[in-house]
N, C-alpha and C. Protein backbone atom coordinates (compact mmCIF):
# COMPACT_ATOMS: atom_id res chain seq x y z
N ILE A 1 0.86 -1.18 0.00
CA ILE A 1 0.00 0.00 0.00
C ILE A 1 0.90 1.23 0.00
N ILE A 2 0.82 2.02 -1.05
CA ILE A 2 1.77 3.12 -1.20
C ILE A 2 1.23 4.47 -0.71
N THR A 3 -0.08 4.56 -0.51
CA THR A 3 -0.64 5.80 0.03
C THR A 3 -1.92 5.51 0.79
N TYR A 4 -2.15 6.31 1.85
CA TYR A 4 -3.42 6.27 2.58
C TYR A 4 -4.19 7.57 2.40
N ASP A 5 -3.71 8.43 1.54
CA ASP A 5 -4.40 9.68 1.22
C ASP A 5 -5.73 9.34 0.57
N GLN A 6 -6.82 9.65 1.25
CA GLN A 6 -8.13 9.18 0.78
C GLN A 6 -8.57 9.83 -0.52
N LYS A 7 -8.13 11.04 -0.79
CA LYS A 7 -8.44 11.63 -2.10
C LYS A 7 -7.73 10.88 -3.21
N GLU A 8 -6.50 10.43 -2.94
CA GLU A 8 -5.76 9.65 -3.92
C GLU A 8 -6.37 8.27 -4.08
N LEU A 9 -6.81 7.67 -2.98
CA LEU A 9 -7.45 6.35 -3.06
C LEU A 9 -8.72 6.42 -3.90
N ALA A 10 -9.47 7.50 -3.75
CA ALA A 10 -10.69 7.66 -4.54
C ALA A 10 -10.37 7.76 -6.03
N LYS A 11 -9.26 8.43 -6.37
CA LYS A 11 -8.85 8.52 -7.77
C LYS A 11 -8.38 7.18 -8.31
N LYS A 12 -7.59 6.45 -7.49
CA LYS A 12 -7.05 5.15 -7.92
C LYS A 12 -8.13 4.07 -8.00
N GLU A 13 -9.12 4.17 -7.09
CA GLU A 13 -10.22 3.22 -6.94
C GLU A 13 -9.83 1.95 -6.20
N TYR A 14 -8.64 1.91 -5.63
CA TYR A 14 -8.24 0.76 -4.82
C TYR A 14 -7.17 1.19 -3.82
N MET A 15 -7.01 0.38 -2.76
CA MET A 15 -6.03 0.68 -1.72
C MET A 15 -4.71 -0.05 -1.96
N GLN A 16 -4.77 -1.34 -2.28
CA GLN A 16 -3.56 -2.14 -2.44
C GLN A 16 -3.32 -2.58 -3.88
N SER A 17 -4.37 -3.08 -4.53
CA SER A 17 -4.21 -3.56 -5.91
C SER A 17 -5.54 -3.46 -6.64
N PRO A 18 -5.52 -3.47 -7.98
CA PRO A 18 -6.76 -3.30 -8.75
C PRO A 18 -7.82 -4.36 -8.46
N ASN A 19 -7.43 -5.53 -7.94
CA ASN A 19 -8.43 -6.56 -7.64
C ASN A 19 -8.85 -6.56 -6.16
N ASP A 20 -8.64 -5.44 -5.47
CA ASP A 20 -9.16 -5.30 -4.10
C ASP A 20 -10.68 -5.50 -4.10
N TRP A 21 -11.21 -5.95 -2.93
CA TRP A 21 -12.66 -6.09 -2.77
C TRP A 21 -13.30 -4.71 -2.79
N LYS A 22 -14.26 -4.50 -3.70
CA LYS A 22 -14.93 -3.19 -3.77
C LYS A 22 -16.44 -3.35 -3.85
N ASN A 23 -16.96 -3.80 -4.98
CA ASN A 23 -18.40 -4.03 -5.13
C ASN A 23 -18.66 -5.49 -4.77
N VAL A 24 -19.17 -5.71 -3.57
CA VAL A 24 -19.19 -7.08 -3.06
C VAL A 24 -20.52 -7.45 -2.43
N GLU A 25 -20.70 -8.76 -2.35
CA GLU A 25 -21.80 -9.39 -1.62
C GLU A 25 -21.15 -10.33 -0.61
N MET A 26 -21.33 -10.04 0.68
CA MET A 26 -20.77 -10.85 1.75
C MET A 26 -21.90 -11.59 2.44
N THR A 27 -21.79 -12.90 2.52
CA THR A 27 -22.87 -13.73 3.04
C THR A 27 -22.34 -14.70 4.09
N GLY A 28 -23.08 -14.84 5.17
CA GLY A 28 -22.75 -15.84 6.17
C GLY A 28 -24.00 -16.34 6.87
N PHE A 29 -24.02 -17.64 7.14
CA PHE A 29 -25.11 -18.23 7.92
C PHE A 29 -24.60 -18.48 9.33
N VAL A 30 -25.37 -18.01 10.32
CA VAL A 30 -24.92 -18.04 11.71
C VAL A 30 -26.04 -18.54 12.62
N LYS A 31 -25.62 -19.18 13.71
CA LYS A 31 -26.56 -19.52 14.78
C LYS A 31 -25.96 -19.01 16.08
N TYR A 32 -26.61 -18.01 16.62
CA TYR A 32 -26.16 -17.34 17.83
C TYR A 32 -26.74 -18.05 19.05
N ASP A 33 -25.87 -18.46 19.96
CA ASP A 33 -26.34 -19.21 21.13
C ASP A 33 -26.76 -18.29 22.27
N GLU A 34 -25.85 -17.48 22.74
CA GLU A 34 -26.17 -16.52 23.78
C GLU A 34 -25.05 -15.51 23.91
N GLY A 35 -25.34 -14.40 24.59
CA GLY A 35 -24.34 -13.35 24.76
C GLY A 35 -25.00 -12.02 25.05
N ASP A 36 -24.39 -10.95 24.61
CA ASP A 36 -24.89 -9.60 24.85
C ASP A 36 -25.73 -9.16 23.66
N ASP A 37 -27.05 -9.05 23.86
CA ASP A 37 -27.97 -8.72 22.76
C ASP A 37 -27.73 -7.32 22.19
N ASP A 38 -26.96 -6.49 22.90
CA ASP A 38 -26.65 -5.15 22.39
C ASP A 38 -25.52 -5.17 21.36
N GLN A 39 -24.91 -6.33 21.12
CA GLN A 39 -23.83 -6.46 20.16
C GLN A 39 -24.36 -7.03 18.84
N ASN A 40 -23.47 -7.17 17.85
CA ASN A 40 -23.96 -7.50 16.52
C ASN A 40 -22.95 -8.31 15.70
N PHE A 41 -23.50 -8.90 14.63
CA PHE A 41 -22.67 -9.41 13.55
C PHE A 41 -22.36 -8.24 12.62
N ALA A 42 -21.12 -8.13 12.17
CA ALA A 42 -20.72 -7.02 11.30
C ALA A 42 -19.88 -7.58 10.16
N TRP A 43 -20.40 -7.47 8.95
CA TRP A 43 -19.64 -7.83 7.76
C TRP A 43 -19.11 -6.52 7.18
N TYR A 44 -17.81 -6.46 6.86
CA TYR A 44 -17.30 -5.17 6.37
C TYR A 44 -16.15 -5.32 5.37
N VAL A 45 -15.97 -4.22 4.61
CA VAL A 45 -15.07 -4.25 3.45
C VAL A 45 -14.67 -2.82 3.09
N ARG A 46 -13.71 -2.68 2.18
CA ARG A 46 -13.18 -1.41 1.63
C ARG A 46 -12.08 -0.80 2.48
N GLY A 47 -11.27 -1.67 3.07
CA GLY A 47 -10.09 -1.24 3.78
C GLY A 47 -9.14 -2.41 3.95
N GLY A 48 -8.15 -2.21 4.84
CA GLY A 48 -7.19 -3.26 5.12
C GLY A 48 -7.21 -3.62 6.59
N LYS A 49 -6.02 -3.72 7.20
CA LYS A 49 -5.93 -4.04 8.62
C LYS A 49 -6.41 -2.86 9.46
N HIS A 50 -7.04 -3.19 10.57
CA HIS A 50 -7.53 -2.17 11.49
C HIS A 50 -6.63 -2.17 12.72
N THR A 51 -5.61 -1.31 12.68
CA THR A 51 -4.63 -1.24 13.76
C THR A 51 -4.26 0.21 14.04
N ASP A 52 -3.72 0.44 15.23
CA ASP A 52 -3.26 1.78 15.59
C ASP A 52 -2.04 2.18 14.77
N ASP A 53 -1.25 1.21 14.34
CA ASP A 53 0.00 1.51 13.63
C ASP A 53 -0.26 2.21 12.29
N GLU A 54 -1.29 1.77 11.57
CA GLU A 54 -1.65 2.37 10.29
C GLU A 54 -3.14 2.70 10.32
N ASP A 55 -3.50 3.73 11.08
CA ASP A 55 -4.91 3.98 11.36
C ASP A 55 -5.72 4.28 10.10
N CYS A 56 -5.10 4.88 9.08
CA CYS A 56 -5.85 5.22 7.86
C CYS A 56 -6.06 4.02 6.95
N GLU A 57 -5.42 2.90 7.26
CA GLU A 57 -5.71 1.66 6.54
C GLU A 57 -7.05 1.09 6.97
N GLY A 58 -7.54 1.50 8.13
CA GLY A 58 -8.75 0.92 8.72
C GLY A 58 -10.04 1.59 8.28
N SER A 59 -10.18 1.86 6.99
CA SER A 59 -11.47 2.36 6.48
C SER A 59 -12.40 1.19 6.19
N ALA A 60 -13.71 1.44 6.24
CA ALA A 60 -14.66 0.35 5.98
C ALA A 60 -16.08 0.88 5.93
N TYR A 61 -16.90 0.18 5.15
CA TYR A 61 -18.35 0.22 5.30
C TYR A 61 -18.77 -1.09 5.95
N LYS A 62 -19.70 -1.00 6.90
CA LYS A 62 -20.10 -2.17 7.66
C LYS A 62 -21.62 -2.33 7.66
N GLY A 63 -22.07 -3.54 7.38
CA GLY A 63 -23.46 -3.91 7.58
C GLY A 63 -23.56 -4.67 8.90
N GLN A 64 -24.50 -4.28 9.75
CA GLN A 64 -24.57 -4.86 11.09
C GLN A 64 -25.97 -5.42 11.38
N LEU A 65 -25.99 -6.62 11.96
CA LEU A 65 -27.22 -7.26 12.40
C LEU A 65 -27.08 -7.58 13.88
N TYR A 66 -27.92 -6.95 14.69
CA TYR A 66 -27.83 -7.13 16.14
C TYR A 66 -28.46 -8.46 16.56
N TYR A 67 -27.87 -9.04 17.62
CA TYR A 67 -28.39 -10.30 18.15
C TYR A 67 -29.85 -10.15 18.57
N GLY A 68 -30.24 -8.93 18.98
CA GLY A 68 -31.61 -8.70 19.42
C GLY A 68 -32.60 -8.47 18.28
N GLY A 69 -32.10 -8.37 17.02
CA GLY A 69 -33.01 -8.25 15.89
C GLY A 69 -33.02 -6.90 15.18
N ASP A 70 -32.12 -5.97 15.57
CA ASP A 70 -32.04 -4.67 14.91
C ASP A 70 -31.00 -4.69 13.79
N SER A 71 -30.99 -3.62 12.96
CA SER A 71 -30.05 -3.51 11.85
C SER A 71 -29.54 -2.08 11.78
N ARG A 72 -28.30 -1.91 11.30
CA ARG A 72 -27.78 -0.57 11.02
C ARG A 72 -26.54 -0.70 10.13
N PHE A 73 -26.01 0.48 9.73
CA PHE A 73 -24.78 0.55 8.95
C PHE A 73 -23.77 1.42 9.69
N ALA A 74 -22.51 1.15 9.44
CA ALA A 74 -21.43 1.95 10.01
C ALA A 74 -20.46 2.35 8.91
N LYS A 75 -19.91 3.54 9.06
CA LYS A 75 -18.84 4.01 8.18
C LYS A 75 -17.63 4.27 9.06
N GLN A 76 -16.59 3.50 8.85
CA GLN A 76 -15.37 3.70 9.61
C GLN A 76 -14.40 4.49 8.73
N GLN A 77 -14.24 5.76 9.05
CA GLN A 77 -13.40 6.63 8.23
C GLN A 77 -11.92 6.32 8.41
N TRP A 78 -11.55 5.87 9.59
CA TRP A 78 -10.21 5.36 9.90
C TRP A 78 -10.31 4.67 11.26
N PHE A 79 -9.23 4.03 11.68
CA PHE A 79 -9.23 3.29 12.94
C PHE A 79 -8.70 4.18 14.06
N VAL A 80 -9.56 4.66 15.01
CA VAL A 80 -10.97 4.28 15.13
C VAL A 80 -11.80 5.57 15.06
N SER A 81 -12.54 5.77 13.99
CA SER A 81 -13.43 6.92 13.85
C SER A 81 -14.68 6.46 13.10
N TYR A 82 -15.82 6.50 13.77
CA TYR A 82 -17.05 5.94 13.23
C TYR A 82 -18.12 6.99 12.98
N ALA A 83 -18.95 6.70 11.98
CA ALA A 83 -20.25 7.34 11.84
C ALA A 83 -21.26 6.20 11.68
N PHE A 84 -22.42 6.31 12.33
CA PHE A 84 -23.42 5.25 12.32
C PHE A 84 -24.76 5.77 11.81
N THR A 85 -25.53 4.90 11.22
CA THR A 85 -26.93 5.21 10.98
C THR A 85 -27.72 4.88 12.24
N ASP A 86 -28.93 5.41 12.33
CA ASP A 86 -29.81 4.99 13.42
C ASP A 86 -30.16 3.52 13.25
N GLU A 87 -30.33 2.84 14.36
CA GLU A 87 -30.71 1.44 14.29
C GLU A 87 -32.13 1.31 13.75
N LYS A 88 -32.31 0.41 12.81
CA LYS A 88 -33.64 0.05 12.35
C LYS A 88 -34.12 -1.08 13.24
N GLU A 89 -35.11 -0.79 14.06
CA GLU A 89 -35.45 -1.69 15.16
C GLU A 89 -36.34 -2.85 14.73
N GLN A 90 -36.03 -3.99 15.31
CA GLN A 90 -36.85 -5.21 15.17
C GLN A 90 -37.16 -5.55 13.71
N VAL A 91 -36.12 -5.60 12.90
CA VAL A 91 -36.29 -6.07 11.52
C VAL A 91 -36.52 -7.57 11.49
N THR A 92 -36.17 -8.23 12.60
CA THR A 92 -36.42 -9.66 12.74
C THR A 92 -36.53 -9.98 14.22
N TYR A 93 -36.87 -11.21 14.53
CA TYR A 93 -36.93 -11.64 15.92
C TYR A 93 -35.52 -11.81 16.48
N PRO A 94 -35.35 -11.83 17.80
CA PRO A 94 -34.03 -12.11 18.36
C PRO A 94 -33.44 -13.39 17.75
N LEU A 95 -32.12 -13.38 17.56
CA LEU A 95 -31.47 -14.42 16.76
C LEU A 95 -31.14 -15.69 17.54
N GLU A 96 -31.36 -15.70 18.83
CA GLU A 96 -30.88 -16.78 19.66
C GLU A 96 -31.39 -18.16 19.22
N ASP A 97 -30.43 -19.08 19.08
CA ASP A 97 -30.69 -20.51 18.89
C ASP A 97 -31.45 -20.84 17.60
N LYS A 98 -31.11 -20.16 16.51
CA LYS A 98 -31.69 -20.52 15.22
C LYS A 98 -30.73 -20.09 14.11
N TRP A 99 -30.76 -20.81 13.00
CA TRP A 99 -29.93 -20.46 11.86
C TRP A 99 -30.58 -19.32 11.07
N VAL A 100 -29.77 -18.31 10.76
CA VAL A 100 -30.22 -17.23 9.87
C VAL A 100 -29.08 -16.92 8.90
N GLY A 101 -29.45 -16.42 7.74
CA GLY A 101 -28.46 -15.93 6.80
C GLY A 101 -28.43 -14.42 6.82
N PHE A 102 -27.23 -13.85 6.86
CA PHE A 102 -27.07 -12.40 6.84
C PHE A 102 -26.17 -12.03 5.67
N LYS A 103 -26.64 -11.09 4.83
CA LYS A 103 -25.92 -10.69 3.64
C LYS A 103 -25.75 -9.17 3.63
N PHE A 104 -24.51 -8.73 3.42
CA PHE A 104 -24.20 -7.31 3.28
C PHE A 104 -23.74 -7.07 1.86
N VAL A 105 -24.38 -6.12 1.18
CA VAL A 105 -24.05 -5.79 -0.20
C VAL A 105 -23.64 -4.32 -0.25
N VAL A 106 -22.52 -4.04 -0.92
CA VAL A 106 -22.06 -2.65 -1.07
C VAL A 106 -21.53 -2.47 -2.48
N TYR A 107 -21.93 -1.37 -3.12
CA TYR A 107 -21.48 -1.15 -4.49
C TYR A 107 -21.55 0.33 -4.85
N ASN A 108 -20.68 0.73 -5.78
CA ASN A 108 -20.67 2.09 -6.28
C ASN A 108 -21.80 2.30 -7.27
N LEU A 109 -22.43 3.45 -7.18
CA LEU A 109 -23.43 3.85 -8.16
C LEU A 109 -22.74 4.54 -9.34
N PRO A 110 -23.41 4.64 -10.48
CA PRO A 110 -22.79 5.31 -11.63
C PRO A 110 -22.37 6.74 -11.28
N PRO A 111 -21.21 7.18 -11.77
CA PRO A 111 -20.74 8.53 -11.45
C PRO A 111 -21.73 9.61 -11.91
N LEU A 112 -21.82 10.67 -11.14
CA LEU A 112 -22.59 11.83 -11.54
C LEU A 112 -21.84 12.59 -12.63
N ASN A 113 -22.47 13.60 -13.19
CA ASN A 113 -21.83 14.38 -14.26
C ASN A 113 -20.52 15.03 -13.81
N ASN A 114 -20.43 15.34 -12.52
CA ASN A 114 -19.19 15.97 -12.01
C ASN A 114 -18.16 14.94 -11.56
N GLY A 115 -18.46 13.64 -11.77
CA GLY A 115 -17.53 12.58 -11.41
C GLY A 115 -17.71 12.01 -10.03
N THR A 116 -18.58 12.60 -9.21
CA THR A 116 -18.81 12.10 -7.85
C THR A 116 -19.44 10.71 -7.89
N VAL A 117 -18.93 9.83 -7.04
CA VAL A 117 -19.45 8.47 -6.97
C VAL A 117 -20.11 8.25 -5.61
N PHE A 118 -21.41 7.98 -5.60
CA PHE A 118 -22.11 7.60 -4.38
C PHE A 118 -21.99 6.09 -4.18
N VAL A 119 -22.18 5.66 -2.93
CA VAL A 119 -22.07 4.24 -2.59
C VAL A 119 -23.36 3.78 -1.92
N LYS A 120 -23.89 2.67 -2.40
CA LYS A 120 -25.10 2.10 -1.81
C LYS A 120 -24.76 0.86 -1.00
N MET A 121 -25.44 0.74 0.15
CA MET A 121 -25.31 -0.44 1.01
C MET A 121 -26.67 -1.05 1.27
N GLU A 122 -26.70 -2.36 1.36
CA GLU A 122 -27.93 -3.09 1.63
C GLU A 122 -27.66 -4.21 2.63
N ASN A 123 -28.56 -4.39 3.58
CA ASN A 123 -28.56 -5.55 4.47
C ASN A 123 -29.72 -6.47 4.09
N TRP A 124 -29.41 -7.76 3.96
CA TRP A 124 -30.40 -8.76 3.60
C TRP A 124 -30.43 -9.86 4.66
N LEU A 125 -31.60 -10.46 4.84
CA LEU A 125 -31.76 -11.50 5.86
C LEU A 125 -32.53 -12.69 5.30
N ASN A 126 -32.05 -13.87 5.63
CA ASN A 126 -32.74 -15.13 5.33
C ASN A 126 -33.15 -15.72 6.68
N GLU A 127 -34.38 -15.40 7.10
CA GLU A 127 -34.80 -15.68 8.48
C GLU A 127 -34.88 -17.16 8.82
N ASN A 128 -35.23 -17.99 7.85
CA ASN A 128 -35.38 -19.42 8.19
C ASN A 128 -34.14 -20.24 7.83
N GLY A 129 -33.11 -19.58 7.33
CA GLY A 129 -31.86 -20.27 7.06
C GLY A 129 -31.88 -21.23 5.90
N ASP A 130 -32.87 -21.11 4.99
CA ASP A 130 -32.96 -22.06 3.89
C ASP A 130 -32.12 -21.66 2.68
N GLY A 131 -31.54 -20.44 2.73
CA GLY A 131 -30.71 -19.97 1.64
C GLY A 131 -31.49 -19.48 0.43
N LYS A 132 -32.80 -19.39 0.54
CA LYS A 132 -33.64 -19.03 -0.61
C LYS A 132 -34.48 -17.79 -0.37
N THR A 133 -35.12 -17.71 0.76
CA THR A 133 -36.11 -16.67 1.01
C THR A 133 -35.46 -15.44 1.65
N TRP A 134 -34.72 -14.67 0.85
CA TRP A 134 -34.05 -13.48 1.33
C TRP A 134 -34.99 -12.28 1.27
N LYS A 135 -34.82 -11.39 2.25
CA LYS A 135 -35.55 -10.12 2.20
C LYS A 135 -34.59 -9.00 2.58
N LYS A 136 -34.74 -7.86 1.91
CA LYS A 136 -33.92 -6.69 2.22
C LYS A 136 -34.48 -6.02 3.45
N ILE A 137 -33.64 -5.85 4.47
CA ILE A 137 -34.11 -5.29 5.74
C ILE A 137 -33.66 -3.85 5.96
N ASP A 138 -32.69 -3.38 5.17
CA ASP A 138 -32.18 -2.03 5.40
C ASP A 138 -31.36 -1.61 4.18
N GLU A 139 -31.30 -0.31 3.91
CA GLU A 139 -30.48 0.20 2.82
C GLU A 139 -30.15 1.66 3.07
N ILE A 140 -29.07 2.12 2.46
CA ILE A 140 -28.66 3.51 2.61
C ILE A 140 -27.74 3.86 1.44
N ILE A 141 -27.69 5.13 1.09
CA ILE A 141 -26.74 5.62 0.11
C ILE A 141 -25.87 6.69 0.78
N ASP A 142 -24.56 6.51 0.68
CA ASP A 142 -23.63 7.54 1.16
C ASP A 142 -23.45 8.55 0.04
N ARG A 143 -24.02 9.74 0.24
CA ARG A 143 -23.93 10.82 -0.74
C ARG A 143 -22.90 11.88 -0.35
N GLY A 144 -22.05 11.55 0.59
CA GLY A 144 -21.01 12.49 0.97
C GLY A 144 -21.40 13.47 2.05
N ASN A 145 -22.46 13.15 2.80
CA ASN A 145 -22.86 14.00 3.92
C ASN A 145 -22.90 13.20 5.22
N TRP A 146 -22.04 12.18 5.29
CA TRP A 146 -22.05 11.23 6.43
C TRP A 146 -20.63 11.09 6.94
N GLY A 147 -20.40 11.50 8.19
CA GLY A 147 -19.07 11.45 8.78
C GLY A 147 -18.43 12.83 8.80
N GLU A 148 -17.47 13.01 9.71
CA GLU A 148 -16.89 14.34 9.91
C GLU A 148 -15.38 14.34 10.04
N GLN A 149 -14.72 13.15 9.97
CA GLN A 149 -13.29 13.11 10.33
C GLN A 149 -12.40 12.56 9.23
N GLY A 150 -12.84 12.67 7.97
CA GLY A 150 -12.03 12.18 6.87
C GLY A 150 -10.74 12.96 6.65
N GLU A 151 -10.69 14.19 7.13
CA GLU A 151 -9.50 15.01 6.94
C GLU A 151 -8.28 14.43 7.65
N HIS A 152 -8.52 13.59 8.64
CA HIS A 152 -7.41 12.92 9.34
C HIS A 152 -6.56 12.11 8.37
N CYS A 153 -7.20 11.61 7.29
CA CYS A 153 -6.49 10.81 6.28
C CYS A 153 -6.44 11.53 4.94
N GLU A 154 -6.39 12.85 4.99
CA GLU A 154 -6.24 13.71 3.81
C GLU A 154 -7.45 13.69 2.88
N GLY A 155 -8.60 13.25 3.40
CA GLY A 155 -9.81 13.26 2.60
C GLY A 155 -10.70 14.44 2.96
N LYS A 156 -11.87 14.48 2.36
CA LYS A 156 -12.87 15.45 2.77
C LYS A 156 -13.42 15.03 4.13
N PRO A 157 -14.00 15.96 4.90
CA PRO A 157 -14.52 15.57 6.21
C PRO A 157 -15.46 14.37 6.15
N SER A 158 -16.32 14.33 5.13
CA SER A 158 -17.27 13.22 5.00
C SER A 158 -16.92 12.37 3.77
N GLN A 159 -15.63 12.14 3.56
CA GLN A 159 -15.14 11.42 2.38
C GLN A 159 -15.91 10.13 2.12
N ILE A 160 -16.40 9.97 0.90
CA ILE A 160 -17.06 8.73 0.49
C ILE A 160 -15.99 7.68 0.26
N ILE A 161 -16.19 6.48 0.79
CA ILE A 161 -15.21 5.39 0.64
C ILE A 161 -15.54 4.65 -0.65
N SER A 162 -15.08 5.19 -1.76
CA SER A 162 -15.44 4.64 -3.06
C SER A 162 -14.43 3.66 -3.60
N TRP A 163 -13.34 3.43 -2.89
CA TRP A 163 -12.27 2.56 -3.35
C TRP A 163 -12.42 1.14 -2.77
N GLY A 164 -11.70 0.21 -3.39
CA GLY A 164 -11.65 -1.14 -2.86
C GLY A 164 -10.55 -1.29 -1.83
N GLY A 165 -10.63 -2.36 -1.06
CA GLY A 165 -9.62 -2.66 -0.04
C GLY A 165 -9.26 -4.13 -0.06
N PRO A 166 -8.09 -4.50 0.44
CA PRO A 166 -7.61 -5.88 0.32
C PRO A 166 -8.27 -6.88 1.26
N ILE A 167 -8.95 -6.41 2.29
CA ILE A 167 -9.48 -7.33 3.30
C ILE A 167 -10.99 -7.18 3.44
N ALA A 168 -11.69 -8.32 3.44
CA ALA A 168 -13.11 -8.38 3.79
C ALA A 168 -13.23 -9.18 5.08
N THR A 169 -14.03 -8.69 6.01
CA THR A 169 -14.03 -9.24 7.37
C THR A 169 -15.43 -9.62 7.83
N PHE A 170 -15.52 -10.77 8.49
CA PHE A 170 -16.72 -11.20 9.21
C PHE A 170 -16.40 -11.11 10.69
N ARG A 171 -17.19 -10.33 11.43
CA ARG A 171 -16.87 -10.08 12.84
C ARG A 171 -18.14 -10.17 13.70
N TRP A 172 -17.93 -10.60 14.95
CA TRP A 172 -18.98 -10.49 15.97
C TRP A 172 -18.31 -10.39 17.33
N ASP A 173 -19.00 -9.75 18.27
CA ASP A 173 -18.43 -9.48 19.59
C ASP A 173 -19.38 -9.96 20.69
N ASN A 174 -18.78 -10.33 21.82
CA ASN A 174 -19.51 -10.64 23.05
C ASN A 174 -20.62 -11.67 22.83
N ALA A 175 -20.28 -12.72 22.08
CA ALA A 175 -21.19 -13.86 21.92
C ALA A 175 -20.52 -15.08 22.55
N ASP A 176 -21.24 -15.78 23.42
CA ASP A 176 -20.66 -16.93 24.11
C ASP A 176 -20.56 -18.15 23.22
N GLY A 177 -21.32 -18.16 22.13
CA GLY A 177 -21.23 -19.27 21.19
C GLY A 177 -21.92 -18.92 19.89
N VAL A 178 -21.22 -19.14 18.76
CA VAL A 178 -21.79 -18.91 17.44
C VAL A 178 -21.37 -20.06 16.53
N ASP A 179 -22.33 -20.70 15.89
CA ASP A 179 -22.05 -21.67 14.84
C ASP A 179 -22.10 -20.96 13.50
N ILE A 180 -21.25 -21.36 12.57
CA ILE A 180 -21.19 -20.69 11.28
C ILE A 180 -21.14 -21.70 10.15
N LYS A 181 -21.62 -21.27 8.95
CA LYS A 181 -21.50 -22.10 7.75
C LYS A 181 -21.72 -21.22 6.52
N TYR A 182 -21.26 -21.72 5.39
CA TYR A 182 -21.52 -21.12 4.07
C TYR A 182 -21.11 -19.65 4.00
N PHE A 183 -19.94 -19.32 4.49
CA PHE A 183 -19.45 -17.95 4.39
C PHE A 183 -18.87 -17.72 3.00
N SER A 184 -19.14 -16.55 2.42
CA SER A 184 -18.61 -16.25 1.09
C SER A 184 -18.49 -14.75 0.90
N VAL A 185 -17.52 -14.38 0.07
CA VAL A 185 -17.37 -13.00 -0.40
C VAL A 185 -17.29 -13.08 -1.91
N ARG A 186 -18.15 -12.32 -2.58
CA ARG A 186 -18.17 -12.33 -4.04
C ARG A 186 -18.10 -10.90 -4.57
N GLU A 187 -17.22 -10.67 -5.52
CA GLU A 187 -17.23 -9.41 -6.25
C GLU A 187 -18.41 -9.44 -7.21
N ILE A 188 -19.18 -8.37 -7.29
CA ILE A 188 -20.40 -8.35 -8.10
C ILE A 188 -20.32 -7.26 -9.16
N GLU A 189 -21.13 -7.41 -10.18
CA GLU A 189 -21.33 -6.36 -11.16
C GLU A 189 -22.40 -5.41 -10.60
N PRO A 190 -22.05 -4.15 -10.34
CA PRO A 190 -23.03 -3.26 -9.70
C PRO A 190 -24.28 -3.10 -10.54
N PRO A 191 -25.46 -3.20 -9.92
CA PRO A 191 -26.68 -2.87 -10.64
C PRO A 191 -26.74 -1.37 -10.89
N THR A 192 -27.63 -0.97 -11.76
CA THR A 192 -27.80 0.46 -12.05
C THR A 192 -29.21 0.88 -11.68
N PRO A 193 -29.48 0.96 -10.38
CA PRO A 193 -30.85 1.29 -9.95
C PRO A 193 -31.17 2.76 -10.15
N VAL A 194 -32.46 3.07 -10.11
CA VAL A 194 -32.90 4.46 -10.05
C VAL A 194 -32.64 4.93 -8.62
N VAL A 195 -31.91 5.99 -8.47
CA VAL A 195 -31.55 6.48 -7.15
C VAL A 195 -32.68 7.34 -6.60
N SER A 196 -33.32 6.84 -5.56
CA SER A 196 -34.44 7.57 -4.97
C SER A 196 -33.93 8.69 -4.07
N THR A 197 -34.57 9.84 -4.15
CA THR A 197 -34.15 10.95 -3.31
C THR A 197 -34.60 10.76 -1.86
N SER A 198 -35.38 9.72 -1.61
CA SER A 198 -35.87 9.49 -0.25
C SER A 198 -34.89 8.67 0.58
N ILE A 199 -33.85 8.13 -0.04
CA ILE A 199 -32.88 7.32 0.68
C ILE A 199 -31.67 8.19 0.99
N HIS A 200 -31.47 8.51 2.26
CA HIS A 200 -30.38 9.39 2.61
C HIS A 200 -29.97 9.15 4.04
N VAL A 201 -28.84 9.66 4.39
CA VAL A 201 -28.36 9.56 5.76
C VAL A 201 -29.13 10.55 6.62
């Protein structure tokens, strides 16, 4: 990685190499046994290692599913500087002792006339764990008005994380037991949806 300057990363479109994870679908099936219901599963991408030594390497967009059944998104501008969406409450029942599939999708939207690239995120859930009956439980578009500390890494205060990163991560905290299966990360061809003005931070 030759630069952590976020304006330069946005121009290059990648952090480490052209085949960094960028437009991706991250999927995992989990069975949560018990723990702290205020914590969550977090699938995230668009950065590298998250350490104090190279704090600007720790950029990420995160899709989060709480053990208690809520959903939200996080934008990690660097390690450790976060911006969060409000929790979308009770998108599903508490997750304890059942298999569910959780999918986080993130992709760049087509550039605007001025070259600005917005990023869309989606959280999907397969409540019965059959791998078939998915439903979208949350979505957001980062239009560059989310976050305040991008200048720490030479970006705009609310720098959009439009570049790819070398590491995709599946994480969960404060769970006494979690069974896992069918984890995957796939680079996708971004869809070209109609961007609704009602979807915003």
